[in-house]
Amino acid sequence: MELGAFSVSLTVKDLATSMAFYEKLGFSQFHGDPAQNWVILKNGEHVIGLFQGMFEKNILTFNPGWDQKGQPTGEFTDVRQIQQKLKADGLTLTMEADETTTGPASIVLEDPDGNPILIDQHV
């Protein structure tokens, strides 16, 4: 099962302050819109998202169909197949994708410590 690109989505109190901090660590913006209170930053192959006022907890994010540069990969494991596998393995999802659809969809589950995991397919 291929989960795609990985990033950490951080909930931040002040987007500008957080951006300035991560820029000092060598990250630079490559996607997003500060006017909408979110940006995606990169440092080499490392990707983090900064989100102000959008969710309560930090989230581990996987993007099936994307590489670490946010580009389509061609072949990939569809989020609905991932959902079926996770459910067959006995995991509980807190948000499910409609298995009658195709294309973009998302699922969410939590690890044993309550950390949210978002599997967010954009293709």
PDB file of N, CA and C in Angstrom:
ATOM      1  N   MET A   1       0.856  -1.172   0.000  1.00  0.00           N
ATOM      2  CA  MET A   1       0.000   0.000   0.000  1.00  0.00           C
ATOM      3  C   MET A   1       0.901   1.233   0.000  1.00  0.00           C
ATOM      4  N   GLU A   2       0.777   2.041  -1.013  1.00  0.00           N
ATOM      5  CA  GLU A   2       1.572   3.268  -1.152  1.00  0.00           C
ATOM      6  C   GLU A   2       0.724   4.454  -0.679  1.00  0.00           C
ATOM      7  N   LEU A   3       1.213   5.176   0.327  1.00  0.00           N
ATOM      8  CA  LEU A   3       0.464   6.297   0.892  1.00  0.00           C
ATOM      9  C   LEU A   3       0.758   7.629   0.226  1.00  0.00           C
ATOM     10  N   GLY A   4       1.794   7.702  -0.599  1.00  0.00           N
ATOM     11  CA  GLY A   4       2.119   8.947  -1.296  1.00  0.00           C
ATOM     12  C   GLY A   4       2.985   9.880  -0.483  1.00  0.00           C
ATOM     13  N   ALA A   5       2.967  11.137  -0.872  1.00  0.00           N
ATOM     14  CA  ALA A   5       3.796  12.163  -0.238  1.00  0.00           C
ATOM     15  C   ALA A   5       3.439  12.292   1.240  1.00  0.00           C
ATOM     16  N   PHE A   6       4.434  12.602   2.054  1.00  0.00           N
ATOM     17  CA  PHE A   6       4.226  12.767   3.489  1.00  0.00           C
ATOM     18  C   PHE A   6       4.567  14.181   3.912  1.00  0.00           C
ATOM     19  N   SER A   7       3.752  14.722   4.796  1.00  0.00           N
ATOM     20  CA  SER A   7       4.052  16.006   5.422  1.00  0.00           C
ATOM     21  C   SER A   7       3.419  16.039   6.805  1.00  0.00           C
ATOM     22  N   VAL A   8       3.836  16.990   7.576  1.00  0.00           N
ATOM     23  CA  VAL A   8       3.221  17.238   8.879  1.00  0.00           C
ATOM     24  C   VAL A   8       2.451  18.545   8.759  1.00  0.00           C
ATOM     25  N   SER A   9       1.188  18.508   9.106  1.00  0.00           N
ATOM     26  CA  SER A   9       0.342  19.697   9.090  1.00  0.00           C
ATOM     27  C   SER A   9       0.267  20.231  10.515  1.00  0.00           C
ATOM     28  N   LEU A  10       0.818  21.415  10.711  1.00  0.00           N
ATOM     29  CA  LEU A  10       0.887  22.002  12.050  1.00  0.00           C
ATOM     30  C   LEU A  10      -0.180  23.069  12.229  1.00  0.00           C
ATOM     31  N   THR A  11      -0.894  22.993  13.327  1.00  0.00           N
ATOM     32  CA  THR A  11      -1.815  24.051  13.679  1.00  0.00           C
ATOM     33  C   THR A  11      -0.997  25.125  14.402  1.00  0.00           C
ATOM     34  N   VAL A  12      -1.100  26.356  13.944  1.00  0.00           N
ATOM     35  CA  VAL A  12      -0.280  27.437  14.500  1.00  0.00           C
ATOM     36  C   VAL A  12      -1.169  28.561  15.021  1.00  0.00           C
ATOM     37  N   LYS A  13      -0.646  29.298  15.998  1.00  0.00           N
ATOM     38  CA  LYS A  13      -1.384  30.417  16.578  1.00  0.00           C
ATOM     39  C   LYS A  13      -1.268  31.672  15.724  1.00  0.00           C
ATOM     40  N   ASP A  14      -0.088  31.892  15.130  1.00  0.00           N
ATOM     41  CA  ASP A  14       0.150  33.090  14.318  1.00  0.00           C
ATOM     42  C   ASP A  14       0.954  32.664  13.099  1.00  0.00           C
ATOM     43  N   LEU A  15       0.306  32.664  11.941  1.00  0.00           N
ATOM     44  CA  LEU A  15       0.932  32.161  10.717  1.00  0.00           C
ATOM     45  C   LEU A  15       2.222  32.903  10.372  1.00  0.00           C
ATOM     46  N   ALA A  16       2.205  34.218  10.439  1.00  0.00           N
ATOM     47  CA  ALA A  16       3.390  35.006  10.075  1.00  0.00           C
ATOM     48  C   ALA A  16       4.573  34.687  11.000  1.00  0.00           C
ATOM     49  N   THR A  17       4.307  34.570  12.283  1.00  0.00           N
ATOM     50  CA  THR A  17       5.367  34.248  13.240  1.00  0.00           C
ATOM     51  C   THR A  17       5.932  32.858  12.967  1.00  0.00           C
ATOM     52  N   SER A  18       5.055  31.898  12.718  1.00  0.00           N
ATOM     53  CA  SER A  18       5.503  30.533  12.435  1.00  0.00           C
ATOM     54  C   SER A  18       6.269  30.457  11.124  1.00  0.00           C
ATOM     55  N   MET A  19       5.789  31.158  10.099  1.00  0.00           N
ATOM     56  CA  MET A  19       6.515  31.171   8.823  1.00  0.00           C
ATOM     57  C   MET A  19       7.922  31.717   9.017  1.00  0.00           C
ATOM     58  N   ALA A  20       8.042  32.806   9.745  1.00  0.00           N
ATOM     59  CA  ALA A  20       9.360  33.413   9.976  1.00  0.00           C
ATOM     60  C   ALA A  20      10.276  32.435  10.710  1.00  0.00           C
ATOM     61  N   PHE A  21       9.738  31.710  11.682  1.00  0.00           N
ATOM     62  CA  PHE A  21      10.521  30.731  12.426  1.00  0.00           C
ATOM     63  C   PHE A  21      11.036  29.631  11.501  1.00  0.00           C
ATOM     64  N   TYR A  22      10.149  29.028  10.718  1.00  0.00           N
ATOM     65  CA  TYR A  22      10.547  27.907   9.864  1.00  0.00           C
ATOM     66  C   TYR A  22      11.438  28.359   8.706  1.00  0.00           C
ATOM     67  N   GLU A  23      11.282  29.590   8.267  1.00  0.00           N
ATOM     68  CA  GLU A  23      12.202  30.120   7.246  1.00  0.00           C
ATOM     69  C   GLU A  23      13.621  30.188   7.788  1.00  0.00           C
ATOM     70  N   LYS A  24      13.772  30.483   9.087  1.00  0.00           N
ATOM     71  CA  LYS A  24      15.100  30.498   9.707  1.00  0.00           C
ATOM     72  C   LYS A  24      15.706  29.099   9.780  1.00  0.00           C
ATOM     73  N   LEU A  25      14.870  28.069   9.710  1.00  0.00           N
ATOM     74  CA  LEU A  25      15.346  26.689   9.670  1.00  0.00           C
ATOM     75  C   LEU A  25      15.609  26.220   8.237  1.00  0.00           C
ATOM     76  N   GLY A  26      15.433  27.122   7.278  1.00  0.00           N
ATOM     77  CA  GLY A  26      15.725  26.783   5.885  1.00  0.00           C
ATOM     78  C   GLY A  26      14.524  26.389   5.048  1.00  0.00           C
ATOM     79  N   PHE A  27      13.320  26.496   5.597  1.00  0.00           N
ATOM     80  CA  PHE A  27      12.111  26.192   4.834  1.00  0.00           C
ATOM     81  C   PHE A  27      11.712  27.407   4.004  1.00  0.00           C
ATOM     82  N   SER A  28      11.085  27.146   2.856  1.00  0.00           N
ATOM     83  CA  SER A  28      10.539  28.236   2.045  1.00  0.00           C
ATOM     84  C   SER A  28       9.169  27.821   1.509  1.00  0.00           C
ATOM     85  N   GLN A  29       8.324  28.803   1.300  1.00  0.00           N
ATOM     86  CA  GLN A  29       6.962  28.539   0.843  1.00  0.00           C
ATOM     87  C   GLN A  29       6.983  28.056  -0.597  1.00  0.00           C
ATOM     88  N   PHE A  30       6.213  26.986  -0.866  1.00  0.00           N
ATOM     89  CA  PHE A  30       6.058  26.559  -2.253  1.00  0.00           C
ATOM     90  C   PHE A  30       4.601  26.357  -2.633  1.00  0.00           C
ATOM     91  N   HIS A  31       3.703  26.532  -1.690  1.00  0.00           N
ATOM     92  CA  HIS A  31       2.286  26.396  -1.992  1.00  0.00           C
ATOM     93  C   HIS A  31       1.491  27.077  -0.878  1.00  0.00           C
ATOM     94  N   GLY A  32       0.230  27.374  -1.138  1.00  0.00           N
ATOM     95  CA  GLY A  32      -0.632  27.944  -0.114  1.00  0.00           C
ATOM     96  C   GLY A  32      -0.818  29.433  -0.264  1.00  0.00           C
ATOM     97  N   ASP A  33      -1.581  30.013   0.661  1.00  0.00           N
ATOM     98  CA  ASP A  33      -1.925  31.420   0.601  1.00  0.00           C
ATOM     99  C   ASP A  33      -2.040  31.985   2.015  1.00  0.00           C
ATOM    100  N   PRO A  34      -1.071  32.796   2.421  1.00  0.00           N
ATOM    101  CA  PRO A  34      -1.148  33.373   3.776  1.00  0.00           C
ATOM    102  C   PRO A  34      -2.448  34.136   4.023  1.00  0.00           C
ATOM    103  N   ALA A  35      -3.034  34.731   2.990  1.00  0.00           N
ATOM    104  CA  ALA A  35      -4.297  35.456   3.155  1.00  0.00           C
ATOM    105  C   ALA A  35      -5.435  34.507   3.547  1.00  0.00           C
ATOM    106  N   GLN A  36      -5.275  33.225   3.229  1.00  0.00           N
ATOM    107  CA  GLN A  36      -6.269  32.213   3.603  1.00  0.00           C
ATOM    108  C   GLN A  36      -5.833  31.437   4.851  1.00  0.00           C
ATOM    109  N   ASN A  37      -4.764  31.897   5.496  1.00  0.00           N
ATOM    110  CA  ASN A  37      -4.254  31.327   6.751  1.00  0.00           C
ATOM    111  C   ASN A  37      -3.631  29.940   6.616  1.00  0.00           C
ATOM    112  N   TRP A  38      -3.025  29.632   5.445  1.00  0.00           N
ATOM    113  CA  TRP A  38      -2.303  28.372   5.305  1.00  0.00           C
ATOM    114  C   TRP A  38      -1.210  28.494   4.261  1.00  0.00           C
ATOM    115  N   VAL A  39      -0.110  27.788   4.525  1.00  0.00           N
ATOM    116  CA  VAL A  39       1.005  27.702   3.581  1.00  0.00           C
ATOM    117  C   VAL A  39       1.635  26.319   3.693  1.00  0.00           C
ATOM    118  N   ILE A  40       2.292  25.905   2.621  1.00  0.00           N
ATOM    119  CA  ILE A  40       3.079  24.681   2.616  1.00  0.00           C
ATOM    120  C   ILE A  40       4.529  25.101   2.400  1.00  0.00           C
ATOM    121  N   LEU A  41       5.409  24.616   3.275  1.00  0.00           N
ATOM    122  CA  LEU A  41       6.823  24.978   3.231  1.00  0.00           C
ATOM    123  C   LEU A  41       7.657  23.735   2.941  1.00  0.00           C
ATOM    124  N   LYS A  42       8.804  23.950   2.289  1.00  0.00           N
ATOM    125  CA  LYS A  42       9.718  22.859   1.970  1.00  0.00           C
ATOM    126  C   LYS A  42      11.130  23.205   2.360  1.00  0.00           C
ATOM    127  N   ASN A  43      11.861  22.179   2.761  1.00  0.00           N
ATOM    128  CA  ASN A  43      13.295  22.258   2.968  1.00  0.00           C
ATOM    129  C   ASN A  43      13.830  20.945   2.411  1.00  0.00           C
ATOM    130  N   GLY A  44      14.394  20.976   1.210  1.00  0.00           N
ATOM    131  CA  GLY A  44      14.771  19.741   0.528  1.00  0.00           C
ATOM    132  C   GLY A  44      13.527  18.926   0.255  1.00  0.00           C
ATOM    133  N   GLU A  45      13.522  17.677   0.695  1.00  0.00           N
ATOM    134  CA  GLU A  45      12.361  16.805   0.516  1.00  0.00           C
ATOM    135  C   GLU A  45      11.385  16.878   1.693  1.00  0.00           C
ATOM    136  N   HIS A  46      11.711  17.663   2.703  1.00  0.00           N
ATOM    137  CA  HIS A  46      10.873  17.761   3.901  1.00  0.00           C
ATOM    138  C   HIS A  46       9.778  18.807   3.697  1.00  0.00           C
ATOM    139  N   VAL A  47       8.555  18.423   4.008  1.00  0.00           N
ATOM    140  CA  VAL A  47       7.399  19.288   3.773  1.00  0.00           C
ATOM    141  C   VAL A  47       6.611  19.441   5.067  1.00  0.00           C
ATOM    142  N   ILE A  48       6.269  20.686   5.388  1.00  0.00           N
ATOM    143  CA  ILE A  48       5.366  20.961   6.498  1.00  0.00           C
ATOM    144  C   ILE A  48       4.301  21.936   6.022  1.00  0.00           C
ATOM    145  N   GLY A  49       3.117  21.796   6.554  1.00  0.00           N
ATOM    146  CA  GLY A  49       2.047  22.737   6.306  1.00  0.00           C
ATOM    147  C   GLY A  49       1.781  23.510   7.578  1.00  0.00           C
ATOM    148  N   LEU A  50       1.549  24.791   7.448  1.00  0.00           N
ATOM    149  CA  LEU A  50       1.194  25.640   8.587  1.00  0.00           C
ATOM    150  C   LEU A  50      -0.242  26.115   8.380  1.00  0.00           C
ATOM    151  N   PHE A  51      -1.087  25.883   9.366  1.00  0.00           N
ATOM    152  CA  PHE A  51      -2.512  26.189   9.250  1.00  0.00           C
ATOM    153  C   PHE A  51      -2.970  26.930  10.499  1.00  0.00           C
ATOM    154  N   GLN A  52      -3.471  28.140  10.304  1.00  0.00           N
ATOM    155  CA  GLN A  52      -3.955  28.945  11.424  1.00  0.00           C
ATOM    156  C   GLN A  52      -5.473  28.881  11.469  1.00  0.00           C
ATOM    157  N   GLY A  53      -6.010  28.393  12.597  1.00  0.00           N
ATOM    158  CA  GLY A  53      -7.456  28.390  12.805  1.00  0.00           C
ATOM    159  C   GLY A  53      -8.229  27.377  11.993  1.00  0.00           C
ATOM    160  N   MET A  54      -7.573  26.350  11.469  1.00  0.00           N
ATOM    161  CA  MET A  54      -8.273  25.384  10.618  1.00  0.00           C
ATOM    162  C   MET A  54      -8.584  24.064  11.304  1.00  0.00           C
ATOM    163  N   PHE A  55      -7.779  23.663  12.286  1.00  0.00           N
ATOM    164  CA  PHE A  55      -8.035  22.434  13.019  1.00  0.00           C
ATOM    165  C   PHE A  55      -7.375  22.508  14.380  1.00  0.00           C
ATOM    166  N   GLU A  56      -7.732  21.577  15.263  1.00  0.00           N
ATOM    167  CA  GLU A  56      -7.287  21.644  16.654  1.00  0.00           C
ATOM    168  C   GLU A  56      -5.932  21.006  16.912  1.00  0.00           C
ATOM    169  N   LYS A  57      -5.614  19.933  16.211  1.00  0.00           N
ATOM    170  CA  LYS A  57      -4.392  19.174  16.475  1.00  0.00           C
ATOM    171  C   LYS A  57      -3.487  19.156  15.249  1.00  0.00           C
ATOM    172  N   ASN A  58      -2.208  18.907  15.492  1.00  0.00           N
ATOM    173  CA  ASN A  58      -1.286  18.643  14.395  1.00  0.00           C
ATOM    174  C   ASN A  58      -1.695  17.335  13.728  1.00  0.00           C
ATOM    175  N   ILE A  59      -1.436  17.218  12.431  1.00  0.00           N
ATOM    176  CA  ILE A  59      -1.892  16.063  11.665  1.00  0.00           C
ATOM    177  C   ILE A  59      -0.749  15.510  10.827  1.00  0.00           C
ATOM    178  N   LEU A  60      -0.610  14.178  10.843  1.00  0.00           N
ATOM    179  CA  LEU A  60       0.271  13.512   9.889  1.00  0.00           C
ATOM    180  C   LEU A  60      -0.515  13.401   8.590  1.00  0.00           C
ATOM    181  N   THR A  61       0.049  13.872   7.488  1.00  0.00           N
ATOM    182  CA  THR A  61      -0.679  13.925   6.229  1.00  0.00           C
ATOM    183  C   THR A  61       0.028  13.108   5.150  1.00  0.00           C
ATOM    184  N   PHE A  62      -0.749  12.303   4.447  1.00  0.00           N
ATOM    185  CA  PHE A  62      -0.259  11.541   3.302  1.00  0.00           C
ATOM    186  C   PHE A  62      -1.111  11.916   2.093  1.00  0.00           C
ATOM    187  N   ASN A  63      -0.478  12.022   0.931  1.00  0.00           N
ATOM    188  CA  ASN A  63      -1.184  12.388  -0.292  1.00  0.00           C
ATOM    189  C   ASN A  63      -0.954  11.347  -1.383  1.00  0.00           C
ATOM    190  N   PRO A  64      -1.853  10.346  -1.475  1.00  0.00           N
ATOM    191  CA  PRO A  64      -1.728   9.366  -2.549  1.00  0.00           C
ATOM    192  C   PRO A  64      -1.758  10.065  -3.914  1.00  0.00           C
ATOM    193  N   GLY A  65      -0.896   9.622  -4.801  1.00  0.00           N
ATOM    194  CA  GLY A  65      -0.859  10.188  -6.151  1.00  0.00           C
ATOM    195  C   GLY A  65       0.063  11.372  -6.312  1.00  0.00           C
ATOM    196  N   TRP A  66       0.674  11.827  -5.219  1.00  0.00           N
ATOM    197  CA  TRP A  66       1.624  12.943  -5.284  1.00  0.00           C
ATOM    198  C   TRP A  66       2.991  12.484  -4.810  1.00  0.00           C
ATOM    199  N   ASP A  67       4.044  13.076  -5.397  1.00  0.00           N
ATOM    200  CA  ASP A  67       5.385  12.878  -4.868  1.00  0.00           C
ATOM    201  C   ASP A  67       5.683  14.001  -3.880  1.00  0.00           C
ATOM    202  N   GLN A  68       6.877  14.028  -3.324  1.00  0.00           N
ATOM    203  CA  GLN A  68       7.226  15.033  -2.316  1.00  0.00           C
ATOM    204  C   GLN A  68       7.283  16.455  -2.880  1.00  0.00           C
ATOM    205  N   LYS A  69       7.241  16.593  -4.204  1.00  0.00           N
ATOM    206  CA  LYS A  69       7.228  17.918  -4.828  1.00  0.00           C
ATOM    207  C   LYS A  69       5.806  18.366  -5.159  1.00  0.00           C
ATOM    208  N   GLY A  70       4.813  17.559  -4.753  1.00  0.00           N
ATOM    209  CA  GLY A  70       3.420  17.900  -5.032  1.00  0.00           C
ATOM    210  C   GLY A  70       3.042  17.668  -6.473  1.00  0.00           C
ATOM    211  N   GLN A  71       3.771  16.781  -7.144  1.00  0.00           N
ATOM    212  CA  GLN A  71       3.507  16.465  -8.548  1.00  0.00           C
ATOM    213  C   GLN A  71       2.852  15.090  -8.646  1.00  0.00           C
ATOM    214  N   PRO A  72       1.940  14.912  -9.625  1.00  0.00           N
ATOM    215  CA  PRO A  72       1.303  13.601  -9.809  1.00  0.00           C
ATOM    216  C   PRO A  72       2.336  12.507 -10.086  1.00  0.00           C
ATOM    217  N   THR A  73       2.087  11.326  -9.532  1.00  0.00           N
ATOM    218  CA  THR A  73       3.021  10.210  -9.676  1.00  0.00           C
ATOM    219  C   THR A  73       2.660   9.252 -10.792  1.00  0.00           C
ATOM    220  N   GLY A  74       1.498   9.372 -11.372  1.00  0.00           N
ATOM    221  CA  GLY A  74       1.059   8.365 -12.341  1.00  0.00           C
ATOM    222  C   GLY A  74       0.298   7.286 -11.603  1.00  0.00           C
ATOM    223  N   GLU A  75       0.899   6.111 -11.463  1.00  0.00           N
ATOM    224  CA  GLU A  75       0.248   5.027 -10.738  1.00  0.00           C
ATOM    225  C   GLU A  75       0.354   5.247  -9.229  1.00  0.00           C
ATOM    226  N   PHE A  76      -0.720   4.921  -8.515  1.00  0.00           N
ATOM    227  CA  PHE A  76      -0.726   5.052  -7.057  1.00  0.00           C
ATOM    228  C   PHE A  76      -1.878   4.242  -6.490  1.00  0.00           C
ATOM    229  N   THR A  77      -1.832   4.014  -5.195  1.00  0.00           N
ATOM    230  CA  THR A  77      -2.912   3.315  -4.504  1.00  0.00           C
ATOM    231  C   THR A  77      -4.004   4.321  -4.180  1.00  0.00           C
ATOM    232  N   ASP A  78      -5.190   4.116  -4.729  1.00  0.00           N
ATOM    233  CA  ASP A  78      -6.320   5.020  -4.513  1.00  0.00           C
ATOM    234  C   ASP A  78      -6.727   5.004  -3.037  1.00  0.00           C
ATOM    235  N   VAL A  79      -7.144   6.161  -2.550  1.00  0.00           N
ATOM    236  CA  VAL A  79      -7.533   6.309  -1.138  1.00  0.00           C
ATOM    237  C   VAL A  79      -8.649   5.336  -0.754  1.00  0.00           C
ATOM    238  N   ARG A  80      -9.503   4.971  -1.710  1.00  0.00           N
ATOM    239  CA  ARG A  80     -10.590   4.040  -1.398  1.00  0.00           C
ATOM    240  C   ARG A  80     -10.048   2.624  -1.168  1.00  0.00           C
ATOM    241  N   GLN A  81      -9.001   2.264  -1.913  1.00  0.00           N
ATOM    242  CA  GLN A  81      -8.336   0.975  -1.684  1.00  0.00           C
ATOM    243  C   GLN A  81      -7.640   0.979  -0.327  1.00  0.00           C
ATOM    244  N   ILE A  82      -7.012   2.081   0.002  1.00  0.00           N
ATOM    245  CA  ILE A  82      -6.361   2.213   1.309  1.00  0.00           C
ATOM    246  C   ILE A  82      -7.410   2.070   2.409  1.00  0.00           C
ATOM    247  N   GLN A  83      -8.540   2.730   2.237  1.00  0.00           N
ATOM    248  CA  GLN A  83      -9.632   2.653   3.207  1.00  0.00           C
ATOM    249  C   GLN A  83     -10.088   1.207   3.401  1.00  0.00           C
ATOM    250  N   GLN A  84     -10.295   0.497   2.303  1.00  0.00           N
ATOM    251  CA  GLN A  84     -10.741  -0.892   2.395  1.00  0.00           C
ATOM    252  C   GLN A  84      -9.733  -1.749   3.154  1.00  0.00           C
ATOM    253  N   LYS A  85      -8.448  -1.552   2.884  1.00  0.00           N
ATOM    254  CA  LYS A  85      -7.389  -2.318   3.541  1.00  0.00           C
ATOM    255  C   LYS A  85      -7.358  -2.010   5.040  1.00  0.00           C
ATOM    256  N   LEU A  86      -7.418  -0.726   5.388  1.00  0.00           N
ATOM    257  CA  LEU A  86      -7.373  -0.343   6.799  1.00  0.00           C
ATOM    258  C   LEU A  86      -8.563  -0.917   7.566  1.00  0.00           C
ATOM    259  N   LYS A  87      -9.742  -0.832   6.975  1.00  0.00           N
ATOM    260  CA  LYS A  87     -10.934  -1.374   7.623  1.00  0.00           C
ATOM    261  C   LYS A  87     -10.847  -2.895   7.742  1.00  0.00           C
ATOM    262  N   ALA A  88     -10.332  -3.561   6.714  1.00  0.00           N
ATOM    263  CA  ALA A  88     -10.159  -5.018   6.760  1.00  0.00           C
ATOM    264  C   ALA A  88      -9.174  -5.421   7.857  1.00  0.00           C
ATOM    265  N   ASP A  89      -8.213  -4.536   8.129  1.00  0.00           N
ATOM    266  CA  ASP A  89      -7.237  -4.786   9.188  1.00  0.00           C
ATOM    267  C   ASP A  89      -7.765  -4.407  10.572  1.00  0.00           C
ATOM    268  N   GLY A  90      -9.038  -3.995  10.650  1.00  0.00           N
ATOM    269  CA  GLY A  90      -9.661  -3.719  11.936  1.00  0.00           C
ATOM    270  C   GLY A  90      -9.495  -2.303  12.458  1.00  0.00           C
ATOM    271  N   LEU A  91      -9.005  -1.399  11.619  1.00  0.00           N
ATOM    272  CA  LEU A  91      -8.846  -0.012  12.066  1.00  0.00           C
ATOM    273  C   LEU A  91     -10.153   0.750  11.887  1.00  0.00           C
ATOM    274  N   THR A  92     -10.399   1.699  12.777  1.00  0.00           N
ATOM    275  CA  THR A  92     -11.593   2.533  12.718  1.00  0.00           C
ATOM    276  C   THR A  92     -11.232   3.869  12.106  1.00  0.00           C
ATOM    277  N   LEU A  93     -11.987   4.288  11.133  1.00  0.00           N
ATOM    278  CA  LEU A  93     -11.778   5.593  10.510  1.00  0.00           C
ATOM    279  C   LEU A  93     -12.759   6.589  11.106  1.00  0.00           C
ATOM    280  N   THR A  94     -12.288   7.821  11.337  1.00  0.00           N
ATOM    281  CA  THR A  94     -13.167   8.866  11.856  1.00  0.00           C
ATOM    282  C   THR A  94     -13.822   9.644  10.722  1.00  0.00           C
ATOM    283  N   MET A  95     -13.284   9.491   9.510  1.00  0.00           N
ATOM    284  CA  MET A  95     -13.891  10.055   8.307  1.00  0.00           C
ATOM    285  C   MET A  95     -13.594   9.094   7.168  1.00  0.00           C
ATOM    286  N   GLU A  96     -14.622   8.750   6.397  1.00  0.00           N
ATOM    287  CA  GLU A  96     -14.458   7.799   5.309  1.00  0.00           C
ATOM    288  C   GLU A  96     -14.730   8.452   3.965  1.00  0.00           C
ATOM    289  N   ALA A  97     -14.108   7.890   2.930  1.00  0.00           N
ATOM    290  CA  ALA A  97     -14.361   8.312   1.554  1.00  0.00           C
ATOM    291  C   ALA A  97     -15.557   7.526   1.019  1.00  0.00           C
ATOM    292  N   ASP A  98     -16.306   8.134   0.124  1.00  0.00           N
ATOM    293  CA  ASP A  98     -17.411   7.467  -0.556  1.00  0.00           C
ATOM    294  C   ASP A  98     -16.816   6.515  -1.579  1.00  0.00           C
ATOM    295  N   GLU A  99     -16.988   5.226  -1.370  1.00  0.00           N
ATOM    296  CA  GLU A  99     -16.374   4.237  -2.242  1.00  0.00           C
ATOM    297  C   GLU A  99     -17.051   4.113  -3.599  1.00  0.00           C
ATOM    298  N   THR A 100     -18.146   4.837  -3.810  1.00  0.00           N
ATOM    299  CA  THR A 100     -18.804   4.819  -5.119  1.00  0.00           C
ATOM    300  C   THR A 100     -18.260   5.904  -6.040  1.00  0.00           C
ATOM    301  N   THR A 101     -17.334   6.719  -5.535  1.00  0.00           N
ATOM    302  CA  THR A 101     -16.789   7.823  -6.322  1.00  0.00           C
ATOM    303  C   THR A 101     -15.372   7.503  -6.790  1.00  0.00           C
ATOM    304  N   THR A 102     -14.847   8.388  -7.635  1.00  0.00           N
ATOM    305  CA  THR A 102     -13.452   8.317  -8.068  1.00  0.00           C
ATOM    306  C   THR A 102     -12.851   9.705  -7.909  1.00  0.00           C
ATOM    307  N   GLY A 103     -11.537   9.788  -8.011  1.00  0.00           N
ATOM    308  CA  GLY A 103     -10.872  11.085  -7.928  1.00  0.00           C
ATOM    309  C   GLY A 103     -10.599  11.507  -6.500  1.00  0.00           C
ATOM    310  N   PRO A 104     -10.513  12.823  -6.288  1.00  0.00           N
ATOM    311  CA  PRO A 104     -10.157  13.341  -4.962  1.00  0.00           C
ATOM    312  C   PRO A 104     -11.096  12.849  -3.858  1.00  0.00           C
ATOM    313  N   ALA A 105     -10.498  12.485  -2.743  1.00  0.00           N
ATOM    314  CA  ALA A 105     -11.247  12.043  -1.563  1.00  0.00           C
ATOM    315  C   ALA A 105     -10.274  11.965  -0.397  1.00  0.00           C
ATOM    316  N   SER A 106     -10.828  11.907   0.810  1.00  0.00           N
ATOM    317  CA  SER A 106     -10.000  11.877   2.012  1.00  0.00           C
ATOM    318  C   SER A 106     -10.561  10.895   3.017  1.00  0.00           C
ATOM    319  N   ILE A 107      -9.651  10.372   3.847  1.00  0.00           N
ATOM    320  CA  ILE A 107     -10.034   9.580   5.001  1.00  0.00           C
ATOM    321  C   ILE A 107      -9.205  10.056   6.189  1.00  0.00           C
ATOM    322  N   VAL A 108      -9.727   9.822   7.379  1.00  0.00           N
ATOM    323  CA  VAL A 108      -9.008  10.202   8.592  1.00  0.00           C
ATOM    324  C   VAL A 108      -9.130   9.053   9.590  1.00  0.00           C
ATOM    325  N   LEU A 109      -8.028   8.787  10.268  1.00  0.00           N
ATOM    326  CA  LEU A 109      -8.007   7.864  11.382  1.00  0.00           C
ATOM    327  C   LEU A 109      -7.072   8.425  12.433  1.00  0.00           C
ATOM    328  N   GLU A 110      -7.087   7.825  13.604  1.00  0.00           N
ATOM    329  CA  GLU A 110      -6.191   8.268  14.676  1.00  0.00           C
ATOM    330  C   GLU A 110      -5.308   7.109  15.091  1.00  0.00           C
ATOM    331  N   ASP A 111      -4.063   7.421  15.432  1.00  0.00           N
ATOM    332  CA  ASP A 111      -3.173   6.392  15.955  1.00  0.00           C
ATOM    333  C   ASP A 111      -3.566   6.097  17.401  1.00  0.00           C
ATOM    334  N   PRO A 112      -2.951   5.102  18.044  1.00  0.00           N
ATOM    335  CA  PRO A 112      -3.349   4.736  19.406  1.00  0.00           C
ATOM    336  C   PRO A 112      -3.238   5.861  20.431  1.00  0.00           C
ATOM    337  N   ASP A 113      -2.452   6.908  20.121  1.00  0.00           N
ATOM    338  CA  ASP A 113      -2.298   8.024  21.055  1.00  0.00           C
ATOM    339  C   ASP A 113      -3.194   9.212  20.708  1.00  0.00           C
ATOM    340  N   GLY A 114      -4.096   9.023  19.752  1.00  0.00           N
ATOM    341  CA  GLY A 114      -5.025  10.085  19.384  1.00  0.00           C
ATOM    342  C   GLY A 114      -4.494  11.073  18.371  1.00  0.00           C
ATOM    343  N   ASN A 115      -3.345  10.791  17.753  1.00  0.00           N
ATOM    344  CA  ASN A 115      -2.805  11.678  16.720  1.00  0.00           C
ATOM    345  C   ASN A 115      -3.554  11.443  15.416  1.00  0.00           C
ATOM    346  N   PRO A 116      -4.139  12.486  14.838  1.00  0.00           N
ATOM    347  CA  PRO A 116      -4.876  12.312  13.599  1.00  0.00           C
ATOM    348  C   PRO A 116      -3.943  12.048  12.415  1.00  0.00           C
ATOM    349  N   ILE A 117      -4.406  11.163  11.513  1.00  0.00           N
ATOM    350  CA  ILE A 117      -3.714  10.852  10.283  1.00  0.00           C
ATOM    351  C   ILE A 117      -4.695  11.112   9.154  1.00  0.00           C
ATOM    352  N   LEU A 118      -4.336  12.033   8.282  1.00  0.00           N
ATOM    353  CA  LEU A 118      -5.159  12.400   7.133  1.00  0.00           C
ATOM    354  C   LEU A 118      -4.538  11.772   5.884  1.00  0.00           C
ATOM    355  N   ILE A 119      -5.324  11.014   5.153  1.00  0.00           N
ATOM    356  CA  ILE A 119      -4.902  10.497   3.856  1.00  0.00           C
ATOM    357  C   ILE A 119      -5.769  11.222   2.851  1.00  0.00           C
ATOM    358  N   ASP A 120      -5.156  12.183   2.161  1.00  0.00           N
ATOM    359  CA  ASP A 120      -5.859  13.203   1.377  1.00  0.00           C
ATOM    360  C   ASP A 120      -5.426  13.127  -0.078  1.00  0.00           C
ATOM    361  N   GLN A 121      -6.257  12.520  -0.904  1.00  0.00           N
ATOM    362  CA  GLN A 121      -5.952  12.338  -2.328  1.00  0.00           C
ATOM    363  C   GLN A 121      -6.516  13.504  -3.123  1.00  0.00           C
ATOM    364  N   HIS A 122      -5.656  14.156  -3.911  1.00  0.00           N
ATOM    365  CA  HIS A 122      -6.067  15.320  -4.708  1.00  0.00           C
ATOM    366  C   HIS A 122      -6.231  15.000  -6.185  1.00  0.00           C
ATOM    367  N   VAL A 123      -5.881  13.797  -6.600  1.00  0.00           N
ATOM    368  CA  VAL A 123      -5.964  13.432  -8.032  1.00  0.00           C
ATOM    369  C   VAL A 123      -6.984  12.346  -8.245  1.00  0.00           C
TER     370      VAL A 123
END
